[in-house]
Amino acid sequence: MPIRDLIPWGSNKGSDVAKREEDNPVFSLQRDVNRIFDDFWKRFDHPFAEFGHWASDGPRTDVAETQNALEISIELPGIDQKEIDVSLTNNTLTIKGEKRSDREESNRGYHLSERSYGSFYRSIPLPAGIDTDKASAEFKNGVLIVTLPKTQEALSQVKKIAVKAS
């Protein structure tokens, strides 16, 4: 067998060797090693992976509409209130922040120093009828709750429709 048939990027695309790759133990080993490396590096896709169970798109967020307001809850474990920025611009609520963690330890002849940094950013479009002047935010036990009251105009436009059984 010529050496070029062993090279995966060579000219063996249509050969019998390329067709039998899945039967080749070296190919199986390479696939398994690639999967292990992919799984390892996925842990570093999100800088806050060790600070909580955040999805890759940011902290867990719940949006609930009550009769009088829109309430947005965001889980931010381990984050200090001073590290959170909440703003309203053009009917969009933007929440962003940064987490910094430093740990140093010296014991029995060794010195350990670990630092991790990361940031999050969440932008939530708001429906019409929100009174942005009366918006409020409260941070308690690692959960940020933003309350956005509805305008009186939006509250007066609500019309109940009776449901009839047929």
N, C-alpha and C. Protein backbone atom coordinates (compact mmCIF):
# COMPACT_ATOMS: atom_id res chain seq x y z
N MET A 1 0.84 -1.17 0.00
CA MET A 1 0.00 0.00 0.00
C MET A 1 0.89 1.23 0.00
N PRO A 2 0.65 2.16 -0.89
CA PRO A 2 1.46 3.39 -0.93
C PRO A 2 1.19 4.25 0.30
N ILE A 3 2.19 4.99 0.74
CA ILE A 3 2.09 5.82 1.94
C ILE A 3 1.01 6.88 1.79
N ARG A 4 0.76 7.38 0.58
CA ARG A 4 -0.25 8.43 0.40
C ARG A 4 -1.66 7.93 0.73
N ASP A 5 -1.89 6.64 0.69
CA ASP A 5 -3.20 6.10 1.06
C ASP A 5 -3.43 6.17 2.57
N LEU A 6 -2.38 6.36 3.35
CA LEU A 6 -2.50 6.46 4.81
C LEU A 6 -2.74 7.90 5.27
N ILE A 7 -2.52 8.85 4.39
CA ILE A 7 -2.68 10.26 4.74
C ILE A 7 -4.14 10.65 4.51
N PRO A 8 -4.85 11.11 5.56
CA PRO A 8 -6.28 11.39 5.42
C PRO A 8 -6.59 12.51 4.45
N TRP A 9 -5.68 13.47 4.24
CA TRP A 9 -5.96 14.57 3.34
C TRP A 9 -5.36 14.34 1.96
N GLY A 10 -4.83 13.16 1.76
CA GLY A 10 -4.21 12.83 0.48
C GLY A 10 -5.24 12.55 -0.60
N SER A 11 -4.79 11.88 -1.62
CA SER A 11 -5.65 11.63 -2.78
C SER A 11 -6.40 10.31 -2.67
N ASN A 12 -6.65 9.84 -1.45
CA ASN A 12 -7.30 8.54 -1.27
C ASN A 12 -8.80 8.68 -1.02
N LYS A 13 -9.40 9.78 -1.40
CA LYS A 13 -10.80 10.02 -1.10
C LYS A 13 -11.72 8.96 -1.68
N GLY A 14 -11.42 8.46 -2.82
CA GLY A 14 -12.30 7.47 -3.44
C GLY A 14 -11.78 6.05 -3.32
N SER A 15 -10.70 5.86 -2.59
CA SER A 15 -10.11 4.53 -2.53
C SER A 15 -10.83 3.64 -1.52
N ASP A 16 -10.51 2.37 -1.52
CA ASP A 16 -11.10 1.43 -0.58
C ASP A 16 -10.70 1.75 0.85
N VAL A 17 -9.51 2.32 1.05
CA VAL A 17 -9.05 2.66 2.39
C VAL A 17 -9.97 3.73 2.99
N ALA A 18 -10.32 4.75 2.22
CA ALA A 18 -11.18 5.81 2.71
C ALA A 18 -12.58 5.28 3.01
N LYS A 19 -13.05 4.31 2.27
CA LYS A 19 -14.38 3.77 2.47
C LYS A 19 -14.45 2.92 3.73
N ARG A 20 -13.32 2.39 4.17
CA ARG A 20 -13.30 1.51 5.33
C ARG A 20 -12.75 2.21 6.57
N GLU A 21 -12.79 3.55 6.63
CA GLU A 21 -12.23 4.28 7.77
C GLU A 21 -12.89 3.89 9.09
N GLU A 22 -14.21 3.73 9.08
CA GLU A 22 -14.89 3.42 10.34
C GLU A 22 -14.51 2.06 10.88
N ASP A 23 -13.98 1.17 10.05
CA ASP A 23 -13.51 -0.14 10.52
C ASP A 23 -12.07 -0.10 11.03
N ASN A 24 -11.38 0.97 10.74
CA ASN A 24 -9.97 1.10 11.09
C ASN A 24 -9.84 1.47 12.57
N PRO A 25 -9.11 0.69 13.38
CA PRO A 25 -8.96 0.98 14.81
C PRO A 25 -8.26 2.31 15.07
N VAL A 26 -7.36 2.72 14.19
CA VAL A 26 -6.66 3.99 14.37
C VAL A 26 -7.65 5.14 14.17
N PHE A 27 -8.52 5.00 13.21
CA PHE A 27 -9.55 6.01 12.98
C PHE A 27 -10.48 6.13 14.20
N SER A 28 -10.87 4.98 14.77
CA SER A 28 -11.72 4.99 15.96
C SER A 28 -11.01 5.66 17.13
N LEU A 29 -9.73 5.37 17.31
CA LEU A 29 -8.95 5.99 18.37
C LEU A 29 -8.87 7.50 18.17
N GLN A 30 -8.62 7.93 16.95
CA GLN A 30 -8.52 9.36 16.65
C GLN A 30 -9.86 10.06 16.93
N ARG A 31 -10.96 9.44 16.57
CA ARG A 31 -12.29 10.01 16.80
C ARG A 31 -12.54 10.15 18.30
N ASP A 32 -12.16 9.13 19.09
CA ASP A 32 -12.35 9.17 20.54
C ASP A 32 -11.49 10.26 21.19
N VAL A 33 -10.26 10.38 20.75
CA VAL A 33 -9.36 11.41 21.28
C VAL A 33 -9.90 12.79 20.94
N ASN A 34 -10.39 12.97 19.72
CA ASN A 34 -10.98 14.26 19.33
C ASN A 34 -12.18 14.59 20.21
N ARG A 35 -13.01 13.61 20.50
CA ARG A 35 -14.19 13.83 21.33
C ARG A 35 -13.77 14.23 22.75
N ILE A 36 -12.73 13.59 23.28
CA ILE A 36 -12.25 13.93 24.62
C ILE A 36 -11.75 15.37 24.67
N PHE A 37 -10.98 15.78 23.66
CA PHE A 37 -10.49 17.16 23.62
C PHE A 37 -11.63 18.15 23.45
N ASP A 38 -12.61 17.82 22.62
CA ASP A 38 -13.76 18.71 22.44
C ASP A 38 -14.52 18.89 23.74
N ASP A 39 -14.74 17.79 24.47
CA ASP A 39 -15.44 17.86 25.76
C ASP A 39 -14.64 18.69 26.77
N PHE A 40 -13.32 18.52 26.76
CA PHE A 40 -12.48 19.27 27.69
C PHE A 40 -12.57 20.77 27.42
N TRP A 41 -12.45 21.19 26.17
CA TRP A 41 -12.44 22.61 25.84
C TRP A 41 -13.81 23.26 25.96
N LYS A 42 -14.88 22.47 25.91
CA LYS A 42 -16.22 23.04 26.09
C LYS A 42 -16.39 23.65 27.47
N ARG A 43 -15.64 23.15 28.45
CA ARG A 43 -15.73 23.70 29.81
C ARG A 43 -15.29 25.15 29.86
N PHE A 44 -14.48 25.58 28.91
CA PHE A 44 -13.95 26.94 28.92
C PHE A 44 -14.69 27.87 27.98
N ASP A 45 -15.76 27.37 27.35
CA ASP A 45 -16.53 28.22 26.45
C ASP A 45 -17.18 29.37 27.19
N HIS A 46 -17.60 29.15 28.42
CA HIS A 46 -18.22 30.20 29.21
C HIS A 46 -17.39 30.44 30.45
N PRO A 47 -16.92 31.68 30.66
CA PRO A 47 -16.02 31.95 31.77
C PRO A 47 -16.61 31.72 33.14
N PHE A 48 -17.96 31.69 33.28
CA PHE A 48 -18.58 31.51 34.57
C PHE A 48 -18.96 30.08 34.84
N ALA A 49 -18.46 29.14 34.10
CA ALA A 49 -18.87 27.74 34.26
C ALA A 49 -18.69 27.25 35.69
N GLU A 50 -17.64 27.73 36.37
CA GLU A 50 -17.42 27.23 37.72
C GLU A 50 -18.21 28.00 38.77
N PHE A 51 -18.80 29.14 38.42
CA PHE A 51 -19.51 29.95 39.40
C PHE A 51 -20.98 29.61 39.49
N GLY A 52 -21.46 28.76 38.69
CA GLY A 52 -22.87 28.42 38.71
C GLY A 52 -23.18 27.59 37.49
N HIS A 53 -24.41 27.26 37.31
CA HIS A 53 -24.78 26.44 36.17
C HIS A 53 -25.42 27.33 35.12
N TRP A 54 -24.62 28.15 34.49
CA TRP A 54 -25.11 29.06 33.48
C TRP A 54 -25.08 28.39 32.14
N ALA A 55 -26.07 28.71 31.35
CA ALA A 55 -26.09 28.22 29.97
C ALA A 55 -25.05 29.00 29.19
N SER A 56 -24.72 28.52 28.01
CA SER A 56 -23.70 29.18 27.22
C SER A 56 -24.12 30.58 26.78
N ASP A 57 -25.41 30.89 26.79
CA ASP A 57 -25.86 32.21 26.38
C ASP A 57 -26.04 33.17 27.55
N GLY A 58 -25.61 32.80 28.75
CA GLY A 58 -25.67 33.70 29.88
C GLY A 58 -26.44 33.12 31.05
N PRO A 59 -26.65 33.97 32.07
CA PRO A 59 -27.33 33.50 33.27
C PRO A 59 -28.80 33.16 32.99
N ARG A 60 -29.36 32.29 33.81
CA ARG A 60 -30.76 31.90 33.65
C ARG A 60 -31.66 33.09 33.92
N THR A 61 -32.61 33.28 33.02
CA THR A 61 -33.49 34.43 33.07
C THR A 61 -34.94 33.99 32.93
N ASP A 62 -35.79 34.53 33.79
CA ASP A 62 -37.23 34.29 33.71
C ASP A 62 -37.91 35.63 33.47
N VAL A 63 -38.83 35.66 32.51
CA VAL A 63 -39.63 36.85 32.24
C VAL A 63 -41.08 36.48 32.49
N ALA A 64 -41.73 37.20 33.40
CA ALA A 64 -43.13 36.92 33.74
C ALA A 64 -43.92 38.21 33.64
N GLU A 65 -45.12 38.09 33.07
CA GLU A 65 -46.00 39.25 32.98
C GLU A 65 -47.14 39.07 33.97
N THR A 66 -47.29 40.06 34.85
CA THR A 66 -48.42 40.07 35.77
C THR A 66 -49.45 41.05 35.22
N GLN A 67 -50.51 41.25 35.97
CA GLN A 67 -51.56 42.15 35.51
C GLN A 67 -51.05 43.59 35.43
N ASN A 68 -50.13 43.96 36.33
CA ASN A 68 -49.69 45.35 36.41
C ASN A 68 -48.26 45.61 35.96
N ALA A 69 -47.48 44.56 35.75
CA ALA A 69 -46.06 44.79 35.45
C ALA A 69 -45.44 43.61 34.72
N LEU A 70 -44.23 43.85 34.25
CA LEU A 70 -43.38 42.82 33.67
C LEU A 70 -42.26 42.60 34.68
N GLU A 71 -42.04 41.35 35.11
CA GLU A 71 -41.00 41.05 36.09
C GLU A 71 -39.95 40.14 35.47
N ILE A 72 -38.70 40.55 35.57
CA ILE A 72 -37.60 39.81 35.00
C ILE A 72 -36.68 39.39 36.13
N SER A 73 -36.45 38.08 36.27
CA SER A 73 -35.59 37.53 37.32
C SER A 73 -34.37 36.91 36.66
N ILE A 74 -33.19 37.23 37.18
CA ILE A 74 -31.95 36.70 36.62
C ILE A 74 -31.11 36.15 37.77
N GLU A 75 -30.68 34.89 37.62
CA GLU A 75 -29.83 34.26 38.62
C GLU A 75 -28.39 34.70 38.41
N LEU A 76 -27.80 35.31 39.42
CA LEU A 76 -26.41 35.78 39.36
C LEU A 76 -25.67 35.34 40.62
N PRO A 77 -25.44 34.04 40.79
CA PRO A 77 -24.79 33.55 42.01
C PRO A 77 -23.34 34.02 42.10
N GLY A 78 -22.96 34.43 43.29
CA GLY A 78 -21.57 34.82 43.53
C GLY A 78 -21.20 36.19 43.01
N ILE A 79 -22.15 36.94 42.50
CA ILE A 79 -21.85 38.27 41.96
C ILE A 79 -22.26 39.31 42.99
N ASP A 80 -21.46 40.34 43.12
CA ASP A 80 -21.74 41.42 44.04
C ASP A 80 -22.64 42.45 43.35
N GLN A 81 -23.47 43.11 44.13
CA GLN A 81 -24.40 44.10 43.60
C GLN A 81 -23.68 45.20 42.81
N LYS A 82 -22.48 45.56 43.25
CA LYS A 82 -21.71 46.62 42.59
C LYS A 82 -21.22 46.21 41.19
N GLU A 83 -21.23 44.93 40.90
CA GLU A 83 -20.73 44.43 39.62
C GLU A 83 -21.83 44.34 38.56
N ILE A 84 -23.06 44.78 38.89
CA ILE A 84 -24.20 44.65 37.99
C ILE A 84 -24.59 46.02 37.46
N ASP A 85 -24.83 46.11 36.15
CA ASP A 85 -25.27 47.35 35.51
C ASP A 85 -26.60 47.08 34.80
N VAL A 86 -27.65 47.81 35.18
CA VAL A 86 -28.97 47.65 34.59
C VAL A 86 -29.34 48.98 33.92
N SER A 87 -29.73 48.91 32.63
CA SER A 87 -30.11 50.14 31.93
C SER A 87 -31.26 49.88 30.96
N LEU A 88 -32.01 50.95 30.68
CA LEU A 88 -33.13 50.91 29.73
C LEU A 88 -32.84 51.90 28.61
N THR A 89 -32.87 51.41 27.37
CA THR A 89 -32.64 52.25 26.22
C THR A 89 -33.51 51.78 25.07
N ASN A 90 -34.30 52.68 24.49
CA ASN A 90 -35.12 52.36 23.32
C ASN A 90 -35.93 51.08 23.48
N ASN A 91 -36.70 50.98 24.55
CA ASN A 91 -37.53 49.81 24.84
C ASN A 91 -36.73 48.51 24.90
N THR A 92 -35.50 48.59 25.38
CA THR A 92 -34.66 47.42 25.57
C THR A 92 -34.03 47.49 26.95
N LEU A 93 -34.19 46.41 27.70
CA LEU A 93 -33.55 46.31 29.01
C LEU A 93 -32.22 45.61 28.83
N THR A 94 -31.15 46.23 29.31
CA THR A 94 -29.81 45.65 29.20
C THR A 94 -29.25 45.43 30.59
N ILE A 95 -28.82 44.20 30.82
CA ILE A 95 -28.22 43.84 32.11
C ILE A 95 -26.85 43.26 31.81
N LYS A 96 -25.84 43.83 32.43
CA LYS A 96 -24.49 43.32 32.21
C LYS A 96 -23.71 43.40 33.51
N GLY A 97 -22.66 42.63 33.56
CA GLY A 97 -21.84 42.62 34.76
C GLY A 97 -20.57 41.84 34.56
N GLU A 98 -19.75 41.87 35.59
CA GLU A 98 -18.46 41.20 35.50
C GLU A 98 -18.18 40.51 36.83
N LYS A 99 -17.61 39.34 36.72
CA LYS A 99 -17.26 38.53 37.89
C LYS A 99 -15.75 38.37 37.93
N ARG A 100 -15.19 38.64 39.08
CA ARG A 100 -13.76 38.43 39.28
C ARG A 100 -13.59 37.60 40.53
N SER A 101 -12.74 36.61 40.43
CA SER A 101 -12.50 35.75 41.58
C SER A 101 -11.00 35.52 41.70
N ASP A 102 -10.47 35.82 42.87
CA ASP A 102 -9.06 35.60 43.16
C ASP A 102 -8.96 34.68 44.37
N ARG A 103 -8.03 33.74 44.29
CA ARG A 103 -7.81 32.83 45.41
C ARG A 103 -6.32 32.59 45.55
N GLU A 104 -5.80 32.83 46.72
CA GLU A 104 -4.39 32.56 46.99
C GLU A 104 -4.30 31.71 48.24
N GLU A 105 -3.39 30.76 48.17
CA GLU A 105 -3.23 29.86 49.30
C GLU A 105 -1.76 29.47 49.39
N SER A 106 -1.21 29.54 50.58
CA SER A 106 0.16 29.10 50.82
C SER A 106 0.14 28.11 51.97
N ASN A 107 0.77 26.97 51.74
CA ASN A 107 0.74 25.94 52.77
C ASN A 107 1.86 24.94 52.49
N ARG A 108 2.60 24.59 53.48
CA ARG A 108 3.62 23.53 53.42
C ARG A 108 4.51 23.57 52.18
N GLY A 109 5.03 24.70 51.90
CA GLY A 109 6.00 24.78 50.82
C GLY A 109 5.42 24.97 49.43
N TYR A 110 4.15 25.19 49.30
CA TYR A 110 3.62 25.48 47.97
C TYR A 110 2.79 26.75 48.04
N HIS A 111 2.65 27.37 46.88
CA HIS A 111 1.86 28.60 46.77
C HIS A 111 0.89 28.43 45.60
N LEU A 112 -0.39 28.60 45.87
CA LEU A 112 -1.43 28.46 44.85
C LEU A 112 -2.07 29.82 44.63
N SER A 113 -2.16 30.23 43.39
CA SER A 113 -2.81 31.49 43.04
C SER A 113 -3.70 31.24 41.83
N GLU A 114 -5.01 31.42 42.02
CA GLU A 114 -5.96 31.21 40.93
C GLU A 114 -6.77 32.49 40.73
N ARG A 115 -6.96 32.86 39.49
CA ARG A 115 -7.78 34.01 39.17
C ARG A 115 -8.68 33.64 38.00
N SER A 116 -9.92 34.05 38.09
CA SER A 116 -10.83 33.84 36.97
C SER A 116 -11.67 35.09 36.79
N TYR A 117 -11.89 35.42 35.55
CA TYR A 117 -12.64 36.61 35.20
C TYR A 117 -13.65 36.24 34.13
N GLY A 118 -14.72 36.96 34.10
CA GLY A 118 -15.71 36.72 33.06
C GLY A 118 -16.78 37.80 33.13
N SER A 119 -17.54 37.91 32.07
CA SER A 119 -18.60 38.91 32.06
C SER A 119 -19.84 38.31 31.41
N PHE A 120 -20.97 38.93 31.66
CA PHE A 120 -22.22 38.51 31.04
C PHE A 120 -22.92 39.75 30.51
N TYR A 121 -23.80 39.52 29.55
CA TYR A 121 -24.54 40.59 28.91
C TYR A 121 -25.86 40.01 28.45
N ARG A 122 -26.94 40.61 28.86
CA ARG A 122 -28.27 40.13 28.44
C ARG A 122 -29.06 41.35 28.01
N SER A 123 -29.63 41.30 26.82
CA SER A 123 -30.44 42.37 26.28
C SER A 123 -31.84 41.81 26.02
N ILE A 124 -32.86 42.44 26.60
CA ILE A 124 -34.23 41.94 26.50
C ILE A 124 -35.11 43.03 25.89
N PRO A 125 -35.68 42.76 24.71
CA PRO A 125 -36.60 43.75 24.13
C PRO A 125 -37.90 43.79 24.94
N LEU A 126 -38.42 45.00 25.12
CA LEU A 126 -39.62 45.18 25.93
C LEU A 126 -40.82 45.50 25.05
N PRO A 127 -41.99 45.05 25.45
CA PRO A 127 -43.19 45.37 24.68
C PRO A 127 -43.61 46.83 24.90
N ALA A 128 -44.51 47.32 24.07
CA ALA A 128 -45.04 48.67 24.24
C ALA A 128 -45.87 48.71 25.52
N GLY A 129 -45.99 49.89 26.11
CA GLY A 129 -46.83 50.04 27.29
C GLY A 129 -46.10 49.86 28.60
N ILE A 130 -44.78 49.94 28.60
CA ILE A 130 -44.00 49.84 29.84
C ILE A 130 -43.65 51.25 30.32
N ASP A 131 -43.87 51.50 31.59
CA ASP A 131 -43.55 52.80 32.18
C ASP A 131 -42.10 52.75 32.67
N THR A 132 -41.18 53.15 31.82
CA THR A 132 -39.75 53.03 32.13
C THR A 132 -39.33 53.96 33.27
N ASP A 133 -40.08 55.04 33.51
CA ASP A 133 -39.74 55.96 34.59
C ASP A 133 -39.95 55.33 35.97
N LYS A 134 -40.79 54.33 36.06
CA LYS A 134 -41.09 53.69 37.35
C LYS A 134 -40.41 52.33 37.49
N ALA A 135 -39.47 52.02 36.63
CA ALA A 135 -38.77 50.74 36.69
C ALA A 135 -37.93 50.67 37.97
N SER A 136 -37.83 49.46 38.53
CA SER A 136 -37.02 49.27 39.74
C SER A 136 -36.29 47.94 39.65
N ALA A 137 -35.19 47.84 40.40
CA ALA A 137 -34.39 46.61 40.42
C ALA A 137 -34.01 46.31 41.86
N GLU A 138 -34.09 45.02 42.21
CA GLU A 138 -33.72 44.58 43.55
C GLU A 138 -32.82 43.35 43.42
N PHE A 139 -31.74 43.34 44.19
CA PHE A 139 -30.80 42.22 44.16
C PHE A 139 -30.76 41.60 45.55
N LYS A 140 -31.16 40.32 45.62
CA LYS A 140 -31.21 39.65 46.91
C LYS A 140 -30.87 38.17 46.73
N ASN A 141 -29.97 37.67 47.55
CA ASN A 141 -29.58 36.26 47.54
C ASN A 141 -29.16 35.75 46.15
N GLY A 142 -28.44 36.56 45.41
CA GLY A 142 -27.94 36.13 44.11
C GLY A 142 -28.96 36.18 42.98
N VAL A 143 -30.12 36.80 43.22
CA VAL A 143 -31.14 36.91 42.18
C VAL A 143 -31.48 38.39 41.98
N LEU A 144 -31.38 38.84 40.74
CA LEU A 144 -31.75 40.19 40.38
C LEU A 144 -33.18 40.17 39.85
N ILE A 145 -34.04 41.00 40.44
CA ILE A 145 -35.43 41.10 39.98
C ILE A 145 -35.67 42.53 39.51
N VAL A 146 -35.98 42.66 38.22
CA VAL A 146 -36.29 43.96 37.63
C VAL A 146 -37.79 44.02 37.42
N THR A 147 -38.43 45.03 37.97
CA THR A 147 -39.88 45.21 37.84
C THR A 147 -40.14 46.41 36.95
N LEU A 148 -40.89 46.17 35.89
CA LEU A 148 -41.22 47.21 34.92
C LEU A 148 -42.74 47.37 34.88
N PRO A 149 -43.27 48.39 35.59
CA PRO A 149 -44.72 48.56 35.63
C PRO A 149 -45.28 48.95 34.25
N LYS A 150 -46.53 48.58 34.04
CA LYS A 150 -47.22 48.95 32.80
C LYS A 150 -47.78 50.37 32.96
N THR A 151 -47.90 51.07 31.84
CA THR A 151 -48.48 52.41 31.87
C THR A 151 -49.98 52.30 32.11
N GLN A 152 -50.57 53.40 32.60
CA GLN A 152 -52.02 53.42 32.81
C GLN A 152 -52.75 53.23 31.48
N GLU A 153 -52.20 53.75 30.44
CA GLU A 153 -52.81 53.58 29.12
C GLU A 153 -52.83 52.11 28.71
N ALA A 154 -51.75 51.41 28.95
CA ALA A 154 -51.69 49.99 28.61
C ALA A 154 -52.65 49.18 29.48
N LEU A 155 -52.77 49.57 30.76
CA LEU A 155 -53.69 48.87 31.65
C LEU A 155 -55.14 49.09 31.25
N SER A 156 -55.47 50.29 30.76
CA SER A 156 -56.85 50.58 30.38
C SER A 156 -57.23 49.95 29.05
N GLN A 157 -56.27 49.55 28.25
CA GLN A 157 -56.55 48.96 26.94
C GLN A 157 -56.81 47.45 27.02
N VAL A 158 -56.68 46.88 28.19
CA VAL A 158 -56.92 45.45 28.34
C VAL A 158 -58.42 45.20 28.27
N LYS A 159 -58.82 44.31 27.40
CA LYS A 159 -60.23 43.98 27.23
C LYS A 159 -60.40 42.48 27.40
N LYS A 160 -61.26 42.11 28.32
CA LYS A 160 -61.55 40.69 28.56
C LYS A 160 -62.55 40.21 27.51
N ILE A 161 -62.29 39.02 26.99
CA ILE A 161 -63.16 38.41 26.00
C ILE A 161 -63.72 37.14 26.61
N ALA A 162 -65.06 37.04 26.62
CA ALA A 162 -65.71 35.86 27.18
C ALA A 162 -65.54 34.67 26.24
N VAL A 163 -65.26 33.53 26.82
CA VAL A 163 -65.11 32.30 26.05
C VAL A 163 -66.39 31.49 26.18
N LYS A 164 -66.99 31.12 25.06
CA LYS A 164 -68.24 30.37 25.05
C LYS A 164 -67.98 28.94 24.61
N ALA A 165 -68.67 28.03 25.24
CA ALA A 165 -68.56 26.63 24.83
C ALA A 165 -69.56 26.38 23.71
N SER A 166 -69.20 25.55 22.77
CA SER A 166 -70.12 25.28 21.67
C SER A 166 -70.70 23.88 21.77
